[in-house]
C-alpha atoms as a PDB file:
ATOM      1  CA  MET A   1      -0.451   7.892   7.989  1.00  0.00           C
ATOM      2  CA  ARG A   2      -2.356   6.650   4.955  1.00  0.00           C
ATOM      3  CA  ILE A   3      -0.640   6.495   1.560  1.00  0.00           C
ATOM      4  CA  LEU A   4      -2.314   5.826  -1.785  1.00  0.00           C
ATOM      5  CA  LEU A   5       0.153   4.040  -4.065  1.00  0.00           C
ATOM      6  CA  ILE A   6      -0.755   4.091  -7.767  1.00  0.00           C
ATOM      7  CA  GLU A   7       1.586   1.764  -9.645  1.00  0.00           C
ATOM      8  CA  ASP A   8       0.716  -0.733 -12.401  1.00  0.00           C
ATOM      9  CA  ASP A   9       3.929  -2.772 -12.174  1.00  0.00           C
ATOM     10  CA  ASN A  10       2.983  -5.734 -10.002  1.00  0.00           C
ATOM     11  CA  ASP A  11       6.471  -6.530  -8.677  1.00  0.00           C
ATOM     12  CA  LEU A  12       7.319  -2.916  -7.860  1.00  0.00           C
ATOM     13  CA  GLY A  13       3.917  -2.264  -6.330  1.00  0.00           C
ATOM     14  CA  PHE A  14       4.175  -5.292  -4.073  1.00  0.00           C
ATOM     15  CA  ALA A  15       7.719  -4.410  -3.005  1.00  0.00           C
ATOM     16  CA  LEU A  16       6.862  -0.759  -2.325  1.00  0.00           C
ATOM     17  CA  THR A  17       3.776  -1.684  -0.348  1.00  0.00           C
ATOM     18  CA  SER A  18       5.826  -4.027   1.839  1.00  0.00           C
ATOM     19  CA  LEU A  19       8.608  -1.490   2.388  1.00  0.00           C
ATOM     20  CA  LEU A  20       6.214   1.351   3.207  1.00  0.00           C
ATOM     21  CA  LYS A  21       4.439  -0.814   5.756  1.00  0.00           C
ATOM     22  CA  THR A  22       7.757  -1.407   7.539  1.00  0.00           C
ATOM     23  CA  LYS A  23       7.749   2.368   8.149  1.00  0.00           C
ATOM     24  CA  LYS A  24       4.321   2.046   9.809  1.00  0.00           C
ATOM     25  CA  TYR A  25       2.411   3.626   6.920  1.00  0.00           C
ATOM     26  CA  THR A  26      -1.052   2.422   6.007  1.00  0.00           C
ATOM     27  CA  VAL A  27      -0.885   1.660   2.262  1.00  0.00           C
ATOM     28  CA  ASP A  28      -3.654   1.318  -0.327  1.00  0.00           C
ATOM     29  CA  TRP A  29      -2.337   0.114  -3.688  1.00  0.00           C
ATOM     30  CA  LEU A  30      -4.150   0.630  -7.003  1.00  0.00           C
ATOM     31  CA  GLN A  31      -2.917  -0.435 -10.437  1.00  0.00           C
ATOM     32  CA  ASN A  32      -5.582   1.143 -12.649  1.00  0.00           C
ATOM     33  CA  GLY A  33      -5.769   4.833 -13.503  1.00  0.00           C
ATOM     34  CA  GLN A  34      -9.565   4.970 -13.574  1.00  0.00           C
ATOM     35  CA  GLU A  35      -9.812   3.410 -10.122  1.00  0.00           C
ATOM     36  CA  ALA A  36      -7.204   5.827  -8.799  1.00  0.00           C
ATOM     37  CA  LEU A  37      -9.064   8.813 -10.240  1.00  0.00           C
ATOM     38  CA  TYR A  38     -12.258   7.652  -8.575  1.00  0.00           C
ATOM     39  CA  ALA A  39     -10.499   7.128  -5.247  1.00  0.00           C
ATOM     40  CA  LEU A  40      -9.088  10.663  -5.283  1.00  0.00           C
ATOM     41  CA  THR A  41     -12.017  12.620  -6.719  1.00  0.00           C
ATOM     42  CA  GLN A  42     -15.269  10.774  -6.015  1.00  0.00           C
ATOM     43  CA  SER A  43     -14.955   8.124  -3.321  1.00  0.00           C
ATOM     44  CA  GLY A  44     -14.841  10.446  -0.319  1.00  0.00           C
ATOM     45  CA  GLU A  45     -11.731   8.633   0.924  1.00  0.00           C
ATOM     46  CA  THR A  46      -8.981  10.690   2.550  1.00  0.00           C
ATOM     47  CA  PHE A  47      -5.258  10.101   2.111  1.00  0.00           C
ATOM     48  CA  ASP A  48      -2.245  11.763   3.691  1.00  0.00           C
ATOM     49  CA  LEU A  49      -0.031  11.332   0.620  1.00  0.00           C
ATOM     50  CA  VAL A  50      -0.123   9.928  -2.928  1.00  0.00           C
ATOM     51  CA  ILE A  51       2.678   8.172  -4.818  1.00  0.00           C
ATOM     52  CA  ILE A  52       1.808   7.895  -8.493  1.00  0.00           C
ATOM     53  CA  ASP A  53       3.309   6.496 -11.688  1.00  0.00           C
ATOM     54  CA  LEU A  54       2.561   8.351 -14.921  1.00  0.00           C
ATOM     55  CA  GLY A  55       2.123   5.530 -17.422  1.00  0.00           C
ATOM     56  CA  LEU A  56      -1.057   3.888 -16.101  1.00  0.00           C
ATOM     57  CA  PRO A  57      -3.817   1.835 -17.747  1.00  0.00           C
ATOM     58  CA  THR A  58      -7.046   3.688 -18.694  1.00  0.00           C
ATOM     59  CA  VAL A  59      -6.079   7.129 -17.307  1.00  0.00           C
ATOM     60  CA  ASP A  60      -2.618   8.718 -17.393  1.00  0.00           C
ATOM     61  CA  GLY A  61      -1.051   9.829 -14.133  1.00  0.00           C
ATOM     62  CA  LEU A  62      -0.855  13.470 -15.221  1.00  0.00           C
ATOM     63  CA  GLU A  63      -4.600  13.530 -15.885  1.00  0.00           C
ATOM     64  CA  ILE A  64      -5.245  12.089 -12.435  1.00  0.00           C
ATOM     65  CA  ILE A  65      -3.129  14.821 -10.845  1.00  0.00           C
ATOM     66  CA  LYS A  66      -4.822  17.499 -12.957  1.00  0.00           C
ATOM     67  CA  GLN A  67      -8.335  16.435 -11.951  1.00  0.00           C
ATOM     68  CA  THR A  68      -7.360  15.983  -8.315  1.00  0.00           C
ATOM     69  CA  ARG A  69      -6.042  19.535  -8.129  1.00  0.00           C
ATOM     70  CA  ALA A  70      -9.070  20.859 -10.025  1.00  0.00           C
ATOM     71  CA  GLN A  71     -11.182  19.699  -7.069  1.00  0.00           C
ATOM     72  CA  LYS A  72      -8.998  21.699  -4.654  1.00  0.00           C
ATOM     73  CA  ASN A  73      -7.584  18.518  -3.155  1.00  0.00           C
ATOM     74  CA  LYS A  74      -4.230  19.527  -1.652  1.00  0.00           C
ATOM     75  CA  VAL A  75      -3.010  16.036  -0.759  1.00  0.00           C
ATOM     76  CA  PRO A  76       0.800  15.843  -1.258  1.00  0.00           C
ATOM     77  CA  ILE A  77       1.647  13.995  -4.481  1.00  0.00           C
ATOM     78  CA  ILE A  78       4.957  12.367  -5.412  1.00  0.00           C
ATOM     79  CA  ILE A  79       5.445  11.267  -9.017  1.00  0.00           C
ATOM     80  CA  LEU A  80       7.461   8.046  -9.272  1.00  0.00           C
ATOM     81  CA  THR A  81       8.189   7.293 -12.918  1.00  0.00           C
ATOM     82  CA  ALA A  82      10.692   6.157 -15.539  1.00  0.00           C
ATOM     83  CA  ARG A  83      10.143   9.402 -17.468  1.00  0.00           C
ATOM     84  CA  ASP A  84      13.377  11.209 -16.670  1.00  0.00           C
ATOM     85  CA  GLN A  85      13.583  14.015 -19.228  1.00  0.00           C
ATOM     86  CA  LYS A  86      13.682  17.607 -18.019  1.00  0.00           C
ATOM     87  CA  ASN A  87      10.470  18.458 -19.857  1.00  0.00           C
ATOM     88  CA  ASP A  88       8.689  15.539 -18.181  1.00  0.00           C
ATOM     89  CA  ILE A  89       9.781  16.726 -14.750  1.00  0.00           C
ATOM     90  CA  ILE A  90       8.702  20.309 -15.435  1.00  0.00           C
ATOM     91  CA  LEU A  91       5.325  19.149 -16.773  1.00  0.00           C
ATOM     92  CA  GLY A  92       4.721  16.899 -13.788  1.00  0.00           C
ATOM     93  CA  LEU A  93       5.446  19.632 -11.266  1.00  0.00           C
ATOM     94  CA  ASP A  94       3.510  22.253 -13.216  1.00  0.00           C
ATOM     95  CA  THR A  95       0.500  19.937 -13.349  1.00  0.00           C
ATOM     96  CA  GLY A  96       0.368  19.893  -9.560  1.00  0.00           C
ATOM     97  CA  ALA A  97       2.761  17.288  -8.180  1.00  0.00           C
ATOM     98  CA  ASP A  98       4.783  18.263  -5.113  1.00  0.00           C
ATOM     99  CA  ASP A  99       7.824  16.116  -5.908  1.00  0.00           C
ATOM    100  CA  TYR A 100       9.226  14.044  -8.757  1.00  0.00           C
ATOM    101  CA  LEU A 101      11.399  10.952  -8.413  1.00  0.00           C
ATOM    102  CA  THR A 102      12.681   8.885 -11.329  1.00  0.00           C
ATOM    103  CA  LYS A 103      13.134   5.123 -11.534  1.00  0.00           C
ATOM    104  CA  PRO A 104      15.308   3.379 -10.534  1.00  0.00           C
ATOM    105  CA  PHE A 105      15.268   4.952  -7.095  1.00  0.00           C
ATOM    106  CA  ASP A 106      16.483   4.373  -3.555  1.00  0.00           C
ATOM    107  CA  PHE A 107      13.724   3.616  -1.060  1.00  0.00           C
ATOM    108  CA  ASP A 108      15.408   5.629   1.706  1.00  0.00           C
ATOM    109  CA  VAL A 109      15.409   8.663  -0.584  1.00  0.00           C
ATOM    110  CA  LEU A 110      11.707   8.144  -1.303  1.00  0.00           C
ATOM    111  CA  ASN A 111      10.949   7.898   2.395  1.00  0.00           C
ATOM    112  CA  SER A 112      12.896  11.096   3.061  1.00  0.00           C
ATOM    113  CA  ARG A 113      10.822  12.864   0.403  1.00  0.00           C
ATOM    114  CA  ILE A 114       7.637  11.552   2.037  1.00  0.00           C
ATOM    115  CA  LEU A 115       8.667  12.828   5.466  1.00  0.00           C
ATOM    116  CA  ALA A 116       9.665  16.222   4.061  1.00  0.00           C
ATOM    117  CA  LEU A 117       6.285  16.678   2.365  1.00  0.00           C
ATOM    118  CA  LEU A 118       4.410  15.670   5.498  1.00  0.00           C
ATOM    119  CA  ARG A 119       6.404  18.117   7.612  1.00  0.00           C
ATOM    120  CA  ARG A 120       5.660  20.868   5.129  1.00  0.00           C
ATOM    121  CA  ARG A 121       1.962  20.039   5.045  1.00  0.00           C
ATOM    122  CA  ASN A 122       1.720  19.976   8.825  1.00  0.00           C
ATOM    123  CA  ALA A 123       3.504  23.299   9.105  1.00  0.00           C
ATOM    124  CA  ASP A 124       1.225  24.902   6.513  1.00  0.00           C
ATOM    125  CA  ALA A 125      -2.145  23.407   7.413  1.00  0.00           C
ATOM    126  CA  SER A 126      -1.936  22.359  11.046  1.00  0.00           C
ATOM    127  CA  SER A 127       0.091  25.042  12.736  1.00  0.00           C
ATOM    128  CA  SER A 128      -2.541  25.763  15.401  1.00  0.00           C
ATOM    129  CA  ASN A 129      -3.568  23.505  18.252  1.00  0.00           C
ATOM    130  CA  ILE A 130      -7.088  22.159  18.656  1.00  0.00           C
ATOM    131  CA  THR A 131      -8.504  22.861  22.103  1.00  0.00           C
ATOM    132  CA  ILE A 132     -11.734  21.543  23.604  1.00  0.00           C
ATOM    133  CA  GLY A 133     -12.175  22.128  27.309  1.00  0.00           C
ATOM    134  CA  ASN A 134      -9.051  20.928  29.110  1.00  0.00           C
ATOM    135  CA  VAL A 135      -7.831  18.846  26.178  1.00  0.00           C
ATOM    136  CA  ILE A 136      -5.259  20.316  23.779  1.00  0.00           C
ATOM    137  CA  LEU A 137      -4.175  18.416  20.672  1.00  0.00           C
ATOM    138  CA  ASP A 138      -1.100  19.494  18.717  1.00  0.00           C
ATOM    139  CA  PRO A 139      -1.242  18.105  15.139  1.00  0.00           C
ATOM    140  CA  VAL A 140       2.391  19.013  14.427  1.00  0.00           C
ATOM    141  CA  SER A 141       4.116  17.392  17.400  1.00  0.00           C
ATOM    142  CA  HIS A 142       1.460  14.669  17.764  1.00  0.00           C
ATOM    143  CA  THR A 143       1.005  15.385  21.450  1.00  0.00           C
ATOM    144  CA  VAL A 144      -2.098  15.607  23.605  1.00  0.00           C
ATOM    145  CA  ILE A 145      -2.313  17.567  26.852  1.00  0.00           C
ATOM    146  CA  VAL A 146      -5.137  16.564  29.180  1.00  0.00           C
ATOM    147  CA  ASN A 147      -5.738  18.868  32.144  1.00  0.00           C
ATOM    148  CA  ASP A 148      -2.193  20.288  31.823  1.00  0.00           C
ATOM    149  CA  VAL A 149      -0.592  16.823  31.666  1.00  0.00           C
ATOM    150  CA  THR A 150       1.024  15.484  28.482  1.00  0.00           C
ATOM    151  CA  THR A 151      -0.725  12.149  27.947  1.00  0.00           C
ATOM    152  CA  PRO A 152       0.591   9.333  25.720  1.00  0.00           C
ATOM    153  CA  PHE A 153      -1.644   8.175  22.865  1.00  0.00           C
ATOM    154  CA  SER A 154      -0.929   5.430  20.368  1.00  0.00           C
ATOM    155  CA  ARG A 155      -0.729   6.395  16.686  1.00  0.00           C
ATOM    156  CA  GLN A 156      -4.218   5.017  16.056  1.00  0.00           C
ATOM    157  CA  GLU A 157      -5.710   6.683  19.132  1.00  0.00           C
ATOM    158  CA  PHE A 158      -4.190  10.020  18.158  1.00  0.00           C
ATOM    159  CA  LYS A 159      -5.628   9.860  14.621  1.00  0.00           C
ATOM    160  CA  ILE A 160      -9.110   9.067  15.928  1.00  0.00           C
ATOM    161  CA  LEU A 161      -8.984  11.823  18.536  1.00  0.00           C
ATOM    162  CA  HIS A 162      -7.665  14.293  15.945  1.00  0.00           C
ATOM    163  CA  LYS A 163     -10.534  13.491  13.580  1.00  0.00           C
ATOM    164  CA  LEU A 164     -13.156  13.819  16.305  1.00  0.00           C
ATOM    165  CA  MET A 165     -11.765  17.077  17.709  1.00  0.00           C
ATOM    166  CA  GLU A 166     -11.369  18.786  14.342  1.00  0.00           C
ATOM    167  CA  SER A 167     -14.936  17.679  13.482  1.00  0.00           C
ATOM    168  CA  ARG A 168     -16.522  18.865  16.729  1.00  0.00           C
ATOM    169  CA  ASN A 169     -20.365  18.690  16.693  1.00  0.00           C
ATOM    170  CA  LYS A 170     -20.243  16.397  13.655  1.00  0.00           C
ATOM    171  CA  VAL A 171     -20.905  12.671  13.803  1.00  0.00           C
ATOM    172  CA  ILE A 172     -17.981  10.615  12.455  1.00  0.00           C
ATOM    173  CA  SER A 173     -18.981   7.156  11.309  1.00  0.00           C
ATOM    174  CA  ARG A 174     -17.223   3.995  12.383  1.00  0.00           C
ATOM    175  CA  ASP A 175     -16.451   3.258   8.724  1.00  0.00           C
ATOM    176  CA  ASN A 176     -14.812   6.674   8.354  1.00  0.00           C
ATOM    177  CA  LEU A 177     -12.570   6.034  11.343  1.00  0.00           C
ATOM    178  CA  THR A 178     -11.671   2.589   9.997  1.00  0.00           C
ATOM    179  CA  GLN A 179     -10.665   4.127   6.653  1.00  0.00           C
ATOM    180  CA  ILE A 180      -8.412   6.611   8.449  1.00  0.00           C
ATOM    181  CA  LEU A 181      -6.555   3.863  10.306  1.00  0.00           C
ATOM    182  CA  TYR A 182      -6.406   0.949   7.902  1.00  0.00           C
ATOM    183  CA  GLY A 183      -5.921   0.170   4.225  1.00  0.00           C
ATOM    184  CA  TRP A 184      -8.526  -1.570   2.076  1.00  0.00           C
ATOM    185  CA  GLY A 185      -6.811  -4.940   2.224  1.00  0.00           C
ATOM    186  CA  ASP A 186      -6.020  -4.958   5.937  1.00  0.00           C
ATOM    187  CA  ASP A 187      -7.728  -7.407   8.272  1.00  0.00           C
ATOM    188  CA  VAL A 188      -9.555  -5.419  10.944  1.00  0.00           C
ATOM    189  CA  ASP A 189     -11.206  -6.997  13.974  1.00  0.00           C
ATOM    190  CA  SER A 190     -14.850  -6.052  14.363  1.00  0.00           C
ATOM    191  CA  ASN A 191     -14.252  -4.394  17.747  1.00  0.00           C
ATOM    192  CA  THR A 192     -10.996  -2.588  16.910  1.00  0.00           C
ATOM    193  CA  ILE A 193     -12.507   0.903  16.805  1.00  0.00           C
ATOM    194  CA  GLU A 194     -14.409   0.253  20.028  1.00  0.00           C
ATOM    195  CA  VAL A 195     -11.164  -0.731  21.781  1.00  0.00           C
ATOM    196  CA  HIS A 196      -9.455   2.477  20.624  1.00  0.00           C
ATOM    197  CA  MET A 197     -12.472   4.538  21.698  1.00  0.00           C
ATOM    198  CA  HIS A 198     -12.420   2.917  25.155  1.00  0.00           C
ATOM    199  CA  ASN A 199      -8.762   3.883  25.588  1.00  0.00           C
ATOM    200  CA  ILE A 200      -9.339   7.442  24.347  1.00  0.00           C
ATOM    201  CA  ARG A 201     -12.264   7.950  26.711  1.00  0.00           C
ATOM    202  CA  LYS A 202     -10.264   6.569  29.621  1.00  0.00           C
ATOM    203  CA  LYS A 203      -7.416   9.000  28.950  1.00  0.00           C
ATOM    204  CA  THR A 204      -9.595  12.100  28.426  1.00  0.00           C
ATOM    205  CA  LYS A 205     -12.375  11.533  30.959  1.00  0.00           C
ATOM    206  CA  PRO A 206     -13.957  13.656  32.426  1.00  0.00           C
ATOM    207  CA  HIS A 207     -12.494  16.509  30.389  1.00  0.00           C
ATOM    208  CA  LEU A 208     -13.830  15.381  27.010  1.00  0.00           C
ATOM    209  CA  ALA A 209     -17.269  13.929  26.334  1.00  0.00           C
ATOM    210  CA  ILE A 210     -17.278  11.536  23.388  1.00  0.00           C
ATOM    211  CA  LYS A 211     -20.770  10.253  22.687  1.00  0.00           C
ATOM    212  CA  THR A 212     -21.738   7.116  20.780  1.00  0.00           C
ATOM    213  CA  ILE A 213     -24.606   7.547  18.318  1.00  0.00           C
ATOM    214  CA  ARG A 214     -25.881   4.000  17.958  1.00  0.00           C
ATOM    215  CA  GLY A 215     -25.748   2.685  14.432  1.00  0.00           C
ATOM    216  CA  VAL A 216     -24.067   5.875  13.202  1.00  0.00           C
ATOM    217  CA  GLY A 217     -20.768   6.713  14.876  1.00  0.00           C
ATOM    218  CA  TYR A 218     -19.177   9.050  17.409  1.00  0.00           C
ATOM    219  CA  ILE A 219     -19.343  12.757  18.215  1.00  0.00           C
ATOM    220  CA  ILE A 220     -17.753  15.348  20.484  1.00  0.00           C
ATOM    221  CA  ALA A 221     -20.629  17.721  21.219  1.00  0.00           C
END
């Protein structure tokens, strides 16, 4: 799961990034409001959840949330801020945030809020299975059934397969798959995606045909 952390405090941002990674989240950390606005509204990047401070350089957090929602982006957003007045909380939620947590905070509480929002999003947006041939993918339980047999997939393999199956007949680029799995600052081996694709094909063959479009990406036709 990919989280965009928008926090201008260097010490807190570094600590949060480290803690979130211990929970197996992929974390992209930005400290500038203008960069965050671009990432959410223009870059084409996809995130599973956003954690955002309000007092940011160049563009305020509330404005970022407002413009993100104006583009019909429904990514779950948690405000994490020192602004603790009732009016601030009401304004933040009314602007489009899904949750509001004030500093100082307990990391376990933050993680519980993250998990609750993800469960809610999955229940709302991914309640139906994706079926192609004899392969059934359940986005809620993160299970894959191949020819009536529940087949284990790693977290990375599941995310790739999910993207390909929900985008059937559409070519998904290697760069797109890399963005789904890894943060901007992560070191990624040049053949990582190919290794995951080999494992996915091995587990779904011959029930799912994943084609490689040379120089472009992958497609389930």
